[in-house]
């Protein structure tokens, strides 16, 4: 199958303040060093690197004891929402280099605005060990990287980070795959709002291919756009140790590539987050290289095209 050329915009988001620990701010640099741009260029895509977003705290937002660093996360959310929307509206594919998972508050909101203008529903594929459906009222930690799904679904409004009348994602259009760590309050909220959860037991029983076929067919029937958010901890820590929230029993190398290959075949994906890479915790760039390889699979690299690594 010939790879269809895409116009890709790289947007770096060196945010770590949503996670409660240091290191994820180095993620965009690590992904660039691992060659994310060249991997896509080698596949025939047009790649434009917009550099990193830099912000100052939003002084119009309050400090909040249960939403740590709200002013800074709010500023990143606003800036990334605009950058993501602008790239999509220009006919380009926004590829977000993170940065902790709080950045998805901005990237998904930007794509929701774009999808609404196109008159198409936005679906979100959340590849993660965690459901990230907390709000300030339910979060045990107050760390905002655990709140993005609730935020872009309209269920975590703590302050007016973005306009209240903004387009939201229907929680029933969120597919969470690889889940294996959910807070009790999140479980209640997920069930209440109809989020589609395929935890690792489901994947073990059904297989990742059957799961992905169901997701792809659902989006195709709705003529939807698809945003993919890939957290390093979707993968088993033996494969990708460079993350601050490791949970044993994650996706295997081949399961993760099959997800990306099937998404590539579908032609549905319109934007991508790569999040929670913490190079300080990585093993000689191992996790960054895996993320780049998975991105290449999403953009059309096939098994016969994959280079052999030097020992």
C-alpha atoms as a PDB file:
ATOM      1  CA  UNK A   1       0.000   0.000   0.000  1.00  0.00           C
ATOM      2  CA  UNK A   2       1.427   3.365  -1.017  1.00  0.00           C
ATOM      3  CA  UNK A   3       1.811   5.901   1.778  1.00  0.00           C
ATOM      4  CA  UNK A   4      -0.340   8.986   1.254  1.00  0.00           C
ATOM      5  CA  UNK A   5       1.725  12.096   1.870  1.00  0.00           C
ATOM      6  CA  UNK A   6       0.568  14.272   4.762  1.00  0.00           C
ATOM      7  CA  UNK A   7       1.473  17.822   5.751  1.00  0.00           C
ATOM      8  CA  UNK A   8       2.546  17.566   9.385  1.00  0.00           C
ATOM      9  CA  UNK A   9       3.104  20.365  11.900  1.00  0.00           C
ATOM     10  CA  UNK A  10       5.217  19.520  14.949  1.00  0.00           C
ATOM     11  CA  UNK A  11       4.295  21.493  18.075  1.00  0.00           C
ATOM     12  CA  UNK A  12       6.456  21.063  21.164  1.00  0.00           C
ATOM     13  CA  UNK A  13       4.833  21.506  24.572  1.00  0.00           C
ATOM     14  CA  UNK A  14       7.455  21.331  27.357  1.00  0.00           C
ATOM     15  CA  UNK A  15       4.951  21.181  30.196  1.00  0.00           C
ATOM     16  CA  UNK A  16       5.671  19.083  33.288  1.00  0.00           C
ATOM     17  CA  UNK A  17       3.763  21.025  35.915  1.00  0.00           C
ATOM     18  CA  UNK A  18       0.645  18.929  35.412  1.00  0.00           C
ATOM     19  CA  UNK A  19       2.368  15.749  36.565  1.00  0.00           C
ATOM     20  CA  UNK A  20       3.752  16.486  39.998  1.00  0.00           C
ATOM     21  CA  UNK A  21       7.324  15.535  39.090  1.00  0.00           C
ATOM     22  CA  UNK A  22      10.108  16.955  36.963  1.00  0.00           C
ATOM     23  CA  UNK A  23      11.428  15.663  33.638  1.00  0.00           C
ATOM     24  CA  UNK A  24       8.600  15.619  31.080  1.00  0.00           C
ATOM     25  CA  UNK A  25       9.570  19.121  29.934  1.00  0.00           C
ATOM     26  CA  UNK A  26      12.537  17.454  28.201  1.00  0.00           C
ATOM     27  CA  UNK A  27      10.200  15.227  26.178  1.00  0.00           C
ATOM     28  CA  UNK A  28       9.936  17.398  23.040  1.00  0.00           C
ATOM     29  CA  UNK A  29      13.723  17.663  22.775  1.00  0.00           C
ATOM     30  CA  UNK A  30      14.135  13.914  23.254  1.00  0.00           C
ATOM     31  CA  UNK A  31      11.609  13.131  20.519  1.00  0.00           C
ATOM     32  CA  UNK A  32      13.409  15.476  18.129  1.00  0.00           C
ATOM     33  CA  UNK A  33      16.776  13.928  19.000  1.00  0.00           C
ATOM     34  CA  UNK A  34      15.246  10.483  18.384  1.00  0.00           C
ATOM     35  CA  UNK A  35      14.387  11.674  14.864  1.00  0.00           C
ATOM     36  CA  UNK A  36      10.625  12.050  14.807  1.00  0.00           C
ATOM     37  CA  UNK A  37      10.858  14.619  12.012  1.00  0.00           C
ATOM     38  CA  UNK A  38      13.243  12.619   9.842  1.00  0.00           C
ATOM     39  CA  UNK A  39      11.219   9.429  10.267  1.00  0.00           C
ATOM     40  CA  UNK A  40       8.215  11.176   8.714  1.00  0.00           C
ATOM     41  CA  UNK A  41      10.271  12.913   6.017  1.00  0.00           C
ATOM     42  CA  UNK A  42      11.720   9.535   5.019  1.00  0.00           C
ATOM     43  CA  UNK A  43       8.147   8.303   4.497  1.00  0.00           C
ATOM     44  CA  UNK A  44       7.470  11.167   2.082  1.00  0.00           C
ATOM     45  CA  UNK A  45       5.593  13.525   4.393  1.00  0.00           C
ATOM     46  CA  UNK A  46       5.975  17.293   4.497  1.00  0.00           C
ATOM     47  CA  UNK A  47       7.107  18.212   8.013  1.00  0.00           C
ATOM     48  CA  UNK A  48       7.162  21.687   9.522  1.00  0.00           C
ATOM     49  CA  UNK A  49       8.506  22.130  13.049  1.00  0.00           C
ATOM     50  CA  UNK A  50       6.902  25.103  14.787  1.00  0.00           C
ATOM     51  CA  UNK A  51       9.223  24.800  17.787  1.00  0.00           C
ATOM     52  CA  UNK A  52       8.055  24.791  21.385  1.00  0.00           C
ATOM     53  CA  UNK A  53       5.209  26.706  22.965  1.00  0.00           C
ATOM     54  CA  UNK A  54       6.351  28.951  25.816  1.00  0.00           C
ATOM     55  CA  UNK A  55       3.907  30.668  28.138  1.00  0.00           C
ATOM     56  CA  UNK A  56       3.662  32.699  31.325  1.00  0.00           C
ATOM     57  CA  UNK A  57       1.036  31.894  33.962  1.00  0.00           C
ATOM     58  CA  UNK A  58      -2.444  33.200  33.194  1.00  0.00           C
ATOM     59  CA  UNK A  59      -3.021  35.785  35.896  1.00  0.00           C
ATOM     60  CA  UNK A  60      -6.762  35.936  35.244  1.00  0.00           C
ATOM     61  CA  UNK A  61      -7.102  32.386  36.573  1.00  0.00           C
ATOM     62  CA  UNK A  62      -7.257  31.654  40.303  1.00  0.00           C
ATOM     63  CA  UNK A  63      -4.924  29.487  42.309  1.00  0.00           C
ATOM     64  CA  UNK A  64      -6.730  26.310  43.291  1.00  0.00           C
ATOM     65  CA  UNK A  65      -5.762  23.872  46.073  1.00  0.00           C
ATOM     66  CA  UNK A  66      -7.099  20.876  44.100  1.00  0.00           C
ATOM     67  CA  UNK A  67      -5.808  21.875  40.658  1.00  0.00           C
ATOM     68  CA  UNK A  68      -2.086  22.402  41.053  1.00  0.00           C
ATOM     69  CA  UNK A  69      -0.375  24.966  38.804  1.00  0.00           C
ATOM     70  CA  UNK A  70      -3.736  25.938  37.326  1.00  0.00           C
ATOM     71  CA  UNK A  71      -2.500  29.276  36.000  1.00  0.00           C
ATOM     72  CA  UNK A  72       0.390  27.715  34.076  1.00  0.00           C
ATOM     73  CA  UNK A  73      -1.608  24.724  32.804  1.00  0.00           C
ATOM     74  CA  UNK A  74      -4.367  27.123  31.788  1.00  0.00           C
ATOM     75  CA  UNK A  75      -1.893  29.212  29.789  1.00  0.00           C
ATOM     76  CA  UNK A  76      -0.535  26.119  28.010  1.00  0.00           C
ATOM     77  CA  UNK A  77      -4.098  24.958  27.314  1.00  0.00           C
ATOM     78  CA  UNK A  78      -5.048  28.253  25.692  1.00  0.00           C
ATOM     79  CA  UNK A  79      -1.883  28.450  23.589  1.00  0.00           C
ATOM     80  CA  UNK A  80      -2.035  24.840  22.414  1.00  0.00           C
ATOM     81  CA  UNK A  81      -5.763  24.995  21.673  1.00  0.00           C
ATOM     82  CA  UNK A  82      -5.055  27.864  19.286  1.00  0.00           C
ATOM     83  CA  UNK A  83      -1.943  26.287  17.725  1.00  0.00           C
ATOM     84  CA  UNK A  84      -3.672  22.940  17.178  1.00  0.00           C
ATOM     85  CA  UNK A  85      -6.741  24.542  15.671  1.00  0.00           C
ATOM     86  CA  UNK A  86      -4.643  26.781  13.393  1.00  0.00           C
ATOM     87  CA  UNK A  87      -2.623  23.826  12.073  1.00  0.00           C
ATOM     88  CA  UNK A  88      -5.745  21.745  11.379  1.00  0.00           C
ATOM     89  CA  UNK A  89      -7.565  24.684   9.764  1.00  0.00           C
ATOM     90  CA  UNK A  90      -4.566  25.165   7.474  1.00  0.00           C
ATOM     91  CA  UNK A  91      -4.964  21.590   6.240  1.00  0.00           C
ATOM     92  CA  UNK A  92      -2.078  20.226   8.268  1.00  0.00           C
ATOM     93  CA  UNK A  93      -1.792  17.353  10.745  1.00  0.00           C
ATOM     94  CA  UNK A  94      -0.992  18.616  14.276  1.00  0.00           C
ATOM     95  CA  UNK A  95       1.571  16.333  15.947  1.00  0.00           C
ATOM     96  CA  UNK A  96       2.039  17.390  19.563  1.00  0.00           C
ATOM     97  CA  UNK A  97       5.337  16.570  21.279  1.00  0.00           C
ATOM     98  CA  UNK A  98       4.914  16.457  25.061  1.00  0.00           C
ATOM     99  CA  UNK A  99       5.119  17.153  27.811  1.00  0.00           C
ATOM    100  CA  UNK A 100       2.754  15.683  30.383  1.00  0.00           C
ATOM    101  CA  UNK A 101      -0.812  14.655  29.598  1.00  0.00           C
ATOM    102  CA  UNK A 102      -2.361  17.908  30.781  1.00  0.00           C
ATOM    103  CA  UNK A 103      -1.477  19.226  27.305  1.00  0.00           C
ATOM    104  CA  UNK A 104      -4.396  17.250  25.862  1.00  0.00           C
ATOM    105  CA  UNK A 105      -6.727  19.772  27.462  1.00  0.00           C
ATOM    106  CA  UNK A 106      -5.502  22.128  24.739  1.00  0.00           C
ATOM    107  CA  UNK A 107      -4.845  19.833  21.783  1.00  0.00           C
ATOM    108  CA  UNK A 108      -8.176  17.993  21.951  1.00  0.00           C
ATOM    109  CA  UNK A 109     -10.077  21.244  22.536  1.00  0.00           C
ATOM    110  CA  UNK A 110      -8.456  22.727  19.438  1.00  0.00           C
ATOM    111  CA  UNK A 111      -9.443  19.712  17.370  1.00  0.00           C
ATOM    112  CA  UNK A 112     -12.967  19.827  18.815  1.00  0.00           C
ATOM    113  CA  UNK A 113     -13.304  23.405  17.568  1.00  0.00           C
ATOM    114  CA  UNK A 114     -12.008  22.371  14.143  1.00  0.00           C
ATOM    115  CA  UNK A 115     -14.336  19.338  13.945  1.00  0.00           C
ATOM    116  CA  UNK A 116     -17.336  21.451  14.935  1.00  0.00           C
ATOM    117  CA  UNK A 117     -16.609  23.891  12.108  1.00  0.00           C
ATOM    118  CA  UNK A 118     -16.438  20.949   9.703  1.00  0.00           C
ATOM    119  CA  UNK A 119     -19.731  19.589  11.001  1.00  0.00           C
ATOM    120  CA  UNK A 120     -18.150  16.263  11.976  1.00  0.00           C
ATOM    121  CA  UNK A 121     -17.971  14.577  15.392  1.00  0.00           C
ATOM    122  CA  UNK A 122     -14.570  14.293  17.055  1.00  0.00           C
ATOM    123  CA  UNK A 123     -13.570  10.948  18.502  1.00  0.00           C
ATOM    124  CA  UNK A 124     -10.615  10.467  20.841  1.00  0.00           C
ATOM    125  CA  UNK A 125      -8.522   7.313  21.147  1.00  0.00           C
ATOM    126  CA  UNK A 126      -6.854   7.444  24.566  1.00  0.00           C
ATOM    127  CA  UNK A 127      -3.925   5.004  24.676  1.00  0.00           C
ATOM    128  CA  UNK A 128      -2.974   5.098  28.327  1.00  0.00           C
ATOM    129  CA  UNK A 129      -2.701   3.113  31.550  1.00  0.00           C
ATOM    130  CA  UNK A 130      -4.903   5.736  33.233  1.00  0.00           C
ATOM    131  CA  UNK A 131      -8.363   7.032  32.402  1.00  0.00           C
ATOM    132  CA  UNK A 132      -7.547  10.669  33.333  1.00  0.00           C
ATOM    133  CA  UNK A 133     -11.203  11.451  34.076  1.00  0.00           C
ATOM    134  CA  UNK A 134     -10.624  13.187  37.383  1.00  0.00           C
ATOM    135  CA  UNK A 135     -11.743  16.712  38.233  1.00  0.00           C
ATOM    136  CA  UNK A 136     -10.533  18.983  41.018  1.00  0.00           C
ATOM    137  CA  UNK A 137     -13.438  17.676  43.087  1.00  0.00           C
ATOM    138  CA  UNK A 138     -12.415  14.014  42.687  1.00  0.00           C
ATOM    139  CA  UNK A 139      -8.642  14.020  42.167  1.00  0.00           C
ATOM    140  CA  UNK A 140      -6.658  12.389  44.989  1.00  0.00           C
ATOM    141  CA  UNK A 141      -3.524  14.347  44.042  1.00  0.00           C
ATOM    142  CA  UNK A 142      -4.691  17.577  42.412  1.00  0.00           C
ATOM    143  CA  UNK A 143      -2.295  16.948  39.505  1.00  0.00           C
ATOM    144  CA  UNK A 144      -3.910  18.157  36.298  1.00  0.00           C
ATOM    145  CA  UNK A 145      -2.411  15.488  34.037  1.00  0.00           C
ATOM    146  CA  UNK A 146      -5.146  13.284  35.514  1.00  0.00           C
ATOM    147  CA  UNK A 147      -7.948  15.610  34.365  1.00  0.00           C
ATOM    148  CA  UNK A 148      -7.768  16.156  30.576  1.00  0.00           C
ATOM    149  CA  UNK A 149     -10.507  13.723  29.490  1.00  0.00           C
ATOM    150  CA  UNK A 150     -12.935  15.172  31.997  1.00  0.00           C
ATOM    151  CA  UNK A 151     -11.899  18.674  30.910  1.00  0.00           C
ATOM    152  CA  UNK A 152     -12.469  18.307  27.170  1.00  0.00           C
ATOM    153  CA  UNK A 153     -15.714  16.473  27.926  1.00  0.00           C
ATOM    154  CA  UNK A 154     -16.925  19.435  29.985  1.00  0.00           C
ATOM    155  CA  UNK A 155     -16.790  17.634  33.327  1.00  0.00           C
ATOM    156  CA  UNK A 156     -13.811  19.389  34.973  1.00  0.00           C
ATOM    157  CA  UNK A 157     -14.617  23.086  34.844  1.00  0.00           C
ATOM    158  CA  UNK A 158     -12.677  24.696  37.654  1.00  0.00           C
ATOM    159  CA  UNK A 159     -12.210  28.129  36.048  1.00  0.00           C
ATOM    160  CA  UNK A 160     -12.781  29.624  32.634  1.00  0.00           C
ATOM    161  CA  UNK A 161      -9.579  28.356  31.035  1.00  0.00           C
ATOM    162  CA  UNK A 162     -11.400  28.240  27.697  1.00  0.00           C
ATOM    163  CA  UNK A 163     -14.834  29.723  26.844  1.00  0.00           C
ATOM    164  CA  UNK A 164     -17.684  27.831  28.459  1.00  0.00           C
ATOM    165  CA  UNK A 165     -19.536  27.654  25.136  1.00  0.00           C
ATOM    166  CA  UNK A 166     -16.617  25.952  23.373  1.00  0.00           C
ATOM    167  CA  UNK A 167     -17.196  22.701  21.458  1.00  0.00           C
ATOM    168  CA  UNK A 168     -16.814  19.672  23.722  1.00  0.00           C
ATOM    169  CA  UNK A 169     -16.134  16.009  23.051  1.00  0.00           C
ATOM    170  CA  UNK A 170     -19.038  13.691  23.773  1.00  0.00           C
ATOM    171  CA  UNK A 171     -17.639  11.252  26.386  1.00  0.00           C
ATOM    172  CA  UNK A 172     -19.351   8.453  24.453  1.00  0.00           C
ATOM    173  CA  UNK A 173     -16.930   9.281  21.611  1.00  0.00           C
ATOM    174  CA  UNK A 174     -13.901   8.578  23.800  1.00  0.00           C
ATOM    175  CA  UNK A 175     -12.249   5.167  23.495  1.00  0.00           C
ATOM    176  CA  UNK A 176      -9.754   4.324  26.209  1.00  0.00           C
ATOM    177  CA  UNK A 177      -7.461   1.398  25.414  1.00  0.00           C
ATOM    178  CA  UNK A 178      -4.851  -0.185  27.677  1.00  0.00           C
ATOM    179  CA  UNK A 179      -6.401   1.058  30.926  1.00  0.00           C
ATOM    180  CA  UNK A 180      -5.144  -0.631  34.099  1.00  0.00           C
ATOM    181  CA  UNK A 181      -5.170   2.050  36.809  1.00  0.00           C
ATOM    182  CA  UNK A 182      -8.430   3.863  37.643  1.00  0.00           C
ATOM    183  CA  UNK A 183      -9.304   5.785  40.800  1.00  0.00           C
ATOM    184  CA  UNK A 184     -12.609   4.731  42.455  1.00  0.00           C
ATOM    185  CA  UNK A 185     -14.244   8.093  41.802  1.00  0.00           C
ATOM    186  CA  UNK A 186     -13.125   7.986  38.166  1.00  0.00           C
ATOM    187  CA  UNK A 187     -14.758   4.599  37.720  1.00  0.00           C
ATOM    188  CA  UNK A 188     -18.080   6.070  38.780  1.00  0.00           C
ATOM    189  CA  UNK A 189     -17.732   9.086  36.476  1.00  0.00           C
ATOM    190  CA  UNK A 190     -16.637   6.989  33.491  1.00  0.00           C
ATOM    191  CA  UNK A 191     -19.642   4.710  33.815  1.00  0.00           C
ATOM    192  CA  UNK A 192     -21.970   7.660  34.385  1.00  0.00           C
ATOM    193  CA  UNK A 193     -20.853   9.470  31.228  1.00  0.00           C
ATOM    194  CA  UNK A 194     -20.515   6.468  28.920  1.00  0.00           C
ATOM    195  CA  UNK A 195     -16.785   6.493  28.185  1.00  0.00           C
ATOM    196  CA  UNK A 196     -15.768   3.379  26.229  1.00  0.00           C
ATOM    197  CA  UNK A 197     -13.084   1.559  28.218  1.00  0.00           C
ATOM    198  CA  UNK A 198     -11.059  -1.392  26.917  1.00  0.00           C
ATOM    199  CA  UNK A 199      -8.827  -2.341  29.806  1.00  0.00           C
ATOM    200  CA  UNK A 200      -5.951  -4.804  29.562  1.00  0.00           C
ATOM    201  CA  UNK A 201      -8.190  -7.711  30.569  1.00  0.00           C
ATOM    202  CA  UNK A 202     -10.483  -6.861  27.660  1.00  0.00           C
ATOM    203  CA  UNK A 203      -7.483  -6.769  25.323  1.00  0.00           C
ATOM    204  CA  UNK A 204      -6.184 -10.069  26.713  1.00  0.00           C
ATOM    205  CA  UNK A 205      -9.586 -11.700  26.118  1.00  0.00           C
ATOM    206  CA  UNK A 206     -10.574 -10.147  22.782  1.00  0.00           C
ATOM    207  CA  UNK A 207      -7.224  -9.282  21.225  1.00  0.00           C
ATOM    208  CA  UNK A 208      -6.106  -5.829  20.167  1.00  0.00           C
ATOM    209  CA  UNK A 209      -7.126  -6.356  16.525  1.00  0.00           C
ATOM    210  CA  UNK A 210     -10.786  -7.013  17.374  1.00  0.00           C
ATOM    211  CA  UNK A 211     -10.800  -4.004  19.693  1.00  0.00           C
ATOM    212  CA  UNK A 212      -9.384  -1.736  17.011  1.00  0.00           C
ATOM    213  CA  UNK A 213     -11.752  -3.032  14.322  1.00  0.00           C
ATOM    214  CA  UNK A 214     -14.691  -2.130  16.570  1.00  0.00           C
ATOM    215  CA  UNK A 215     -13.332   1.359  17.236  1.00  0.00           C
ATOM    216  CA  UNK A 216     -12.491   2.071  13.600  1.00  0.00           C
ATOM    217  CA  UNK A 217     -15.878   0.875  12.331  1.00  0.00           C
ATOM    218  CA  UNK A 218     -17.704   3.019  14.903  1.00  0.00           C
ATOM    219  CA  UNK A 219     -15.836   6.152  13.792  1.00  0.00           C
ATOM    220  CA  UNK A 220     -16.292   5.359  10.101  1.00  0.00           C
ATOM    221  CA  UNK A 221     -20.056   4.978  10.501  1.00  0.00           C
ATOM    222  CA  UNK A 222     -20.229   8.406  12.161  1.00  0.00           C
ATOM    223  CA  UNK A 223     -17.960  10.072   9.567  1.00  0.00           C
ATOM    224  CA  UNK A 224     -15.856  11.237  12.489  1.00  0.00           C
ATOM    225  CA  UNK A 225     -12.440  12.778  12.875  1.00  0.00           C
ATOM    226  CA  UNK A 226     -10.042  10.978  15.224  1.00  0.00           C
ATOM    227  CA  UNK A 227      -7.538  12.435  17.658  1.00  0.00           C
ATOM    228  CA  UNK A 228      -5.043   9.914  19.076  1.00  0.00           C
ATOM    229  CA  UNK A 229      -3.378  10.571  22.428  1.00  0.00           C
ATOM    230  CA  UNK A 230      -0.493   8.191  23.110  1.00  0.00           C
ATOM    231  CA  UNK A 231       0.914   8.074  26.639  1.00  0.00           C
ATOM    232  CA  UNK A 232       4.224   6.283  27.163  1.00  0.00           C
ATOM    233  CA  UNK A 233       2.633   4.250  29.964  1.00  0.00           C
ATOM    234  CA  UNK A 234       0.244   2.622  27.474  1.00  0.00           C
ATOM    235  CA  UNK A 235       3.253   0.410  26.846  1.00  0.00           C
ATOM    236  CA  UNK A 236       4.653  -2.100  29.275  1.00  0.00           C
ATOM    237  CA  UNK A 237       7.478  -0.502  31.312  1.00  0.00           C
ATOM    238  CA  UNK A 238       9.932  -3.149  30.091  1.00  0.00           C
ATOM    239  CA  UNK A 239       9.491  -1.679  26.603  1.00  0.00           C
ATOM    240  CA  UNK A 240       9.252   1.986  27.547  1.00  0.00           C
ATOM    241  CA  UNK A 241      10.600   2.814  31.028  1.00  0.00           C
ATOM    242  CA  UNK A 242      10.857   6.573  30.469  1.00  0.00           C
ATOM    243  CA  UNK A 243       7.680   7.668  32.241  1.00  0.00           C
ATOM    244  CA  UNK A 244       6.883   8.781  35.774  1.00  0.00           C
ATOM    245  CA  UNK A 245       3.683   6.733  36.084  1.00  0.00           C
ATOM    246  CA  UNK A 246       4.697   3.169  35.194  1.00  0.00           C
ATOM    247  CA  UNK A 247       2.061   0.456  35.585  1.00  0.00           C
ATOM    248  CA  UNK A 248       3.047  -3.176  34.890  1.00  0.00           C
ATOM    249  CA  UNK A 249       1.128  -5.221  32.347  1.00  0.00           C
ATOM    250  CA  UNK A 250       0.913  -2.751  29.484  1.00  0.00           C
ATOM    251  CA  UNK A 251       0.731  -3.232  25.744  1.00  0.00           C
ATOM    252  CA  UNK A 252       3.464  -5.233  24.041  1.00  0.00           C
ATOM    253  CA  UNK A 253       5.666  -3.884  21.268  1.00  0.00           C
ATOM    254  CA  UNK A 254       3.667  -5.708  18.594  1.00  0.00           C
ATOM    255  CA  UNK A 255       0.268  -4.805  20.065  1.00  0.00           C
ATOM    256  CA  UNK A 256       1.217  -1.135  20.002  1.00  0.00           C
ATOM    257  CA  UNK A 257       2.470  -1.310  16.422  1.00  0.00           C
ATOM    258  CA  UNK A 258      -0.653  -3.161  15.315  1.00  0.00           C
ATOM    259  CA  UNK A 259      -2.789  -0.370  16.782  1.00  0.00           C
ATOM    260  CA  UNK A 260      -0.826   2.185  14.766  1.00  0.00           C
ATOM    261  CA  UNK A 261      -0.798   0.107  11.586  1.00  0.00           C
ATOM    262  CA  UNK A 262      -4.571  -0.386  11.713  1.00  0.00           C
ATOM    263  CA  UNK A 263      -5.079   3.317  12.359  1.00  0.00           C
ATOM    264  CA  UNK A 264      -2.858   4.088   9.380  1.00  0.00           C
ATOM    265  CA  UNK A 265      -4.910   1.763   7.189  1.00  0.00           C
ATOM    266  CA  UNK A 266      -8.120   3.459   8.329  1.00  0.00           C
ATOM    267  CA  UNK A 267      -7.062   6.957   7.219  1.00  0.00           C
ATOM    268  CA  UNK A 268      -9.135   8.405  10.079  1.00  0.00           C
ATOM    269  CA  UNK A 269      -6.466  10.022  12.249  1.00  0.00           C
ATOM    270  CA  UNK A 270      -6.330  13.800  12.035  1.00  0.00           C
ATOM    271  CA  UNK A 271      -4.064  14.650  15.005  1.00  0.00           C
ATOM    272  CA  UNK A 272      -1.723  12.993  17.512  1.00  0.00           C
ATOM    273  CA  UNK A 273      -0.318  13.627  20.993  1.00  0.00           C
ATOM    274  CA  UNK A 274       2.888  11.969  22.237  1.00  0.00           C
ATOM    275  CA  UNK A 275       2.902  12.492  25.995  1.00  0.00           C
ATOM    276  CA  UNK A 276       4.497  11.769  29.361  1.00  0.00           C
ATOM    277  CA  UNK A 277       7.953  10.944  27.982  1.00  0.00           C
ATOM    278  CA  UNK A 278      10.417  11.616  30.802  1.00  0.00           C
ATOM    279  CA  UNK A 279      13.967  11.317  29.409  1.00  0.00           C
ATOM    280  CA  UNK A 280      15.425  11.584  32.935  1.00  0.00           C
ATOM    281  CA  UNK A 281      13.845   8.191  33.708  1.00  0.00           C
ATOM    282  CA  UNK A 282      14.557   6.597  30.326  1.00  0.00           C
ATOM    283  CA  UNK A 283      17.194   4.030  29.401  1.00  0.00           C
ATOM    284  CA  UNK A 284      19.498   5.668  26.834  1.00  0.00           C
ATOM    285  CA  UNK A 285      16.612   7.044  24.789  1.00  0.00           C
ATOM    286  CA  UNK A 286      14.789   3.710  24.539  1.00  0.00           C
ATOM    287  CA  UNK A 287      11.296   5.092  25.133  1.00  0.00           C
ATOM    288  CA  UNK A 288      11.799   8.056  22.799  1.00  0.00           C
ATOM    289  CA  UNK A 289      12.879   5.724  20.000  1.00  0.00           C
ATOM    290  CA  UNK A 290       9.849   3.484  20.563  1.00  0.00           C
ATOM    291  CA  UNK A 291       7.514   6.484  20.343  1.00  0.00           C
ATOM    292  CA  UNK A 292       9.167   7.559  17.089  1.00  0.00           C
ATOM    293  CA  UNK A 293       8.812   4.050  15.657  1.00  0.00           C
ATOM    294  CA  UNK A 294       5.130   3.947  16.627  1.00  0.00           C
ATOM    295  CA  UNK A 295       4.589   7.350  15.042  1.00  0.00           C
ATOM    296  CA  UNK A 296       6.215   6.079  11.851  1.00  0.00           C
ATOM    297  CA  UNK A 297       3.817   3.110  11.844  1.00  0.00           C
ATOM    298  CA  UNK A 298       0.876   5.496  12.166  1.00  0.00           C
ATOM    299  CA  UNK A 299       2.180   7.460   9.202  1.00  0.00           C
ATOM    300  CA  UNK A 300       2.543   4.438   6.960  1.00  0.00           C
ATOM    301  CA  UNK A 301       5.741   2.553   7.721  1.00  0.00           C
ATOM    302  CA  UNK A 302       5.225  -1.152   7.182  1.00  0.00           C
ATOM    303  CA  UNK A 303       7.086  -4.159   8.555  1.00  0.00           C
ATOM    304  CA  UNK A 304       9.071  -4.586   5.339  1.00  0.00           C
ATOM    305  CA  UNK A 305      10.190  -0.938   5.570  1.00  0.00           C
ATOM    306  CA  UNK A 306      11.383  -1.108   9.168  1.00  0.00           C
ATOM    307  CA  UNK A 307      15.157  -0.706   9.524  1.00  0.00           C
ATOM    308  CA  UNK A 308      17.266  -3.141  11.506  1.00  0.00           C
ATOM    309  CA  UNK A 309      18.714  -1.643  14.635  1.00  0.00           C
ATOM    310  CA  UNK A 310      22.400  -1.919  15.328  1.00  0.00           C
ATOM    311  CA  UNK A 311      23.140  -4.010  18.428  1.00  0.00           C
END
